[in-house]
C-alpha atoms as a PDB file:
ATOM      1  CA  MET A   1      25.905  10.987  35.597  1.00  0.00           C
ATOM      2  CA  ARG A   2      28.162  10.763  32.541  1.00  0.00           C
ATOM      3  CA  MET A   3      28.276  12.821  29.444  1.00  0.00           C
ATOM      4  CA  MET A   4      26.501  11.293  26.138  1.00  0.00           C
ATOM      5  CA  ASN A   5      29.007  10.645  23.401  1.00  0.00           C
ATOM      6  CA  GLU A   6      28.442  12.120  19.787  1.00  0.00           C
ATOM      7  CA  PHE A   7      26.728   8.573  18.567  1.00  0.00           C
ATOM      8  CA  GLU A   8      24.478   8.597  21.487  1.00  0.00           C
ATOM      9  CA  ALA A   9      23.539  12.303  21.175  1.00  0.00           C
ATOM     10  CA  GLN A  10      22.903  11.594  17.421  1.00  0.00           C
ATOM     11  CA  VAL A  11      20.640   8.237  18.009  1.00  0.00           C
ATOM     12  CA  LEU A  12      18.510  10.488  20.667  1.00  0.00           C
ATOM     13  CA  SER A  13      17.861  13.357  18.309  1.00  0.00           C
ATOM     14  CA  ASP A  14      16.826  10.950  15.290  1.00  0.00           C
ATOM     15  CA  LEU A  15      14.579   9.041  17.668  1.00  0.00           C
ATOM     16  CA  SER A  16      12.893  12.516  18.725  1.00  0.00           C
ATOM     17  CA  VAL A  17      12.595  13.189  14.678  1.00  0.00           C
ATOM     18  CA  LEU A  18      11.253   9.781  14.253  1.00  0.00           C
ATOM     19  CA  LYS A  19       8.977  10.280  17.011  1.00  0.00           C
ATOM     20  CA  THR A  20       7.385  13.530  15.629  1.00  0.00           C
ATOM     21  CA  GLN A  21       7.070  12.110  12.361  1.00  0.00           C
ATOM     22  CA  MET A  22       4.920   9.161  13.698  1.00  0.00           C
ATOM     23  CA  ALA A  23       2.904  11.513  15.909  1.00  0.00           C
ATOM     24  CA  GLY A  24       2.358  13.265  12.619  1.00  0.00           C
ATOM     25  CA  LEU A  25       1.466  10.517  10.820  1.00  0.00           C
ATOM     26  CA  MET A  26      -0.728   8.317  13.192  1.00  0.00           C
ATOM     27  CA  GLY A  27      -2.240  11.412  14.906  1.00  0.00           C
ATOM     28  CA  ASP A  28      -2.364  12.509  18.708  1.00  0.00           C
ATOM     29  CA  GLY A  29      -5.492  10.222  19.418  1.00  0.00           C
ATOM     30  CA  ASN A  30      -7.753  12.303  17.194  1.00  0.00           C
ATOM     31  CA  GLY A  31      -6.543  10.634  14.142  1.00  0.00           C
ATOM     32  CA  GLY A  32      -3.462  11.711  11.930  1.00  0.00           C
ATOM     33  CA  ARG A  33      -2.953  11.685   8.093  1.00  0.00           C
ATOM     34  CA  LEU A  34      -3.673   8.034   7.944  1.00  0.00           C
ATOM     35  CA  ALA A  35      -7.103   8.267   9.505  1.00  0.00           C
ATOM     36  CA  ASP A  36      -7.884  10.919   7.026  1.00  0.00           C
ATOM     37  CA  LEU A  37      -6.526   8.370   4.267  1.00  0.00           C
ATOM     38  CA  GLU A  38      -8.838   5.932   5.572  1.00  0.00           C
ATOM     39  CA  ARG A  39     -11.758   7.900   5.637  1.00  0.00           C
ATOM     40  CA  ARG A  40     -11.382   9.034   1.895  1.00  0.00           C
ATOM     41  CA  MET A  41     -10.686   5.628   0.901  1.00  0.00           C
ATOM     42  CA  GLU A  42     -13.948   4.563   2.733  1.00  0.00           C
ATOM     43  CA  LEU A  43     -16.056   7.514   1.187  1.00  0.00           C
ATOM     44  CA  HIS A  44     -14.486   6.351  -2.382  1.00  0.00           C
ATOM     45  CA  GLU A  45     -15.242   2.748  -1.990  1.00  0.00           C
ATOM     46  CA  GLN A  46     -18.824   3.835  -1.071  1.00  0.00           C
ATOM     47  CA  ARG A  47     -19.145   6.027  -3.977  1.00  0.00           C
ATOM     48  CA  TRP A  48     -17.979   3.199  -6.073  1.00  0.00           C
ATOM     49  CA  GLN A  49     -20.440   0.709  -4.831  1.00  0.00           C
ATOM     50  CA  ARG A  50     -22.924   3.032  -5.492  1.00  0.00           C
ATOM     51  CA  ALA A  51     -21.956   3.676  -9.126  1.00  0.00           C
ATOM     52  CA  LYS A  52     -21.930  -0.104  -9.772  1.00  0.00           C
ATOM     53  CA  GLY A  53     -25.352  -0.504  -8.294  1.00  0.00           C
ATOM     54  CA  PHE A  54     -26.572   2.126 -10.143  1.00  0.00           C
ATOM     55  CA  LEU A  55     -25.076   0.671 -13.537  1.00  0.00           C
ATOM     56  CA  ALA A  56     -26.546  -2.740 -12.446  1.00  0.00           C
ATOM     57  CA  ALA A  57     -29.596  -1.356 -12.008  1.00  0.00           C
ATOM     58  CA  ALA A  58     -29.348   0.560 -15.283  1.00  0.00           C
ATOM     59  CA  SER A  59     -28.672  -2.487 -17.263  1.00  0.00           C
ATOM     60  CA  VAL A  60     -31.626  -4.429 -15.904  1.00  0.00           C
ATOM     61  CA  LEU A  61     -33.899  -1.477 -16.910  1.00  0.00           C
ATOM     62  CA  PHE A  62     -32.325  -1.470 -20.177  1.00  0.00           C
ATOM     63  CA  ALA A  63     -32.848  -5.312 -20.764  1.00  0.00           C
ATOM     64  CA  VAL A  64     -36.216  -4.946 -19.742  1.00  0.00           C
ATOM     65  CA  ILE A  65     -37.135  -2.179 -22.422  1.00  0.00           C
ATOM     66  CA  GLU A  66     -35.314  -4.101 -24.944  1.00  0.00           C
ATOM     67  CA  VAL A  67     -37.581  -7.099 -24.172  1.00  0.00           C
ATOM     68  CA  ALA A  68     -40.733  -5.267 -24.182  1.00  0.00           C
ATOM     69  CA  VAL A  69     -39.461  -3.747 -27.822  1.00  0.00           C
ATOM     70  CA  GLU A  70     -38.689  -7.060 -29.029  1.00  0.00           C
ATOM     71  CA  ALA A  71     -42.157  -8.259 -27.923  1.00  0.00           C
ATOM     72  CA  MET A  72     -44.086  -5.339 -29.396  1.00  0.00           C
ATOM     73  CA  PHE A  73     -42.188  -5.596 -32.708  1.00  0.00           C
ATOM     74  CA  ARG A  74     -42.760  -9.336 -33.149  1.00  0.00           C
ATOM     75  CA  ARG A  75     -46.717  -8.829 -33.262  1.00  0.00           C
END
């Protein structure tokens, strides 16, 4: 077996660091930081959709109230 030169040792060292960083980023099968970020984004999107739905319902309600008030004052 031959000895590694300095370049090969540096490449293997950098590869080991990269592997560790990727494991931290992607997780070890249980989810990592990206999975946590995806869950947070899905929760945020769900809350945003609920807020938009609430505002749409409120605008319809206000429109119905406005029509009712206009109808009362026209008489």
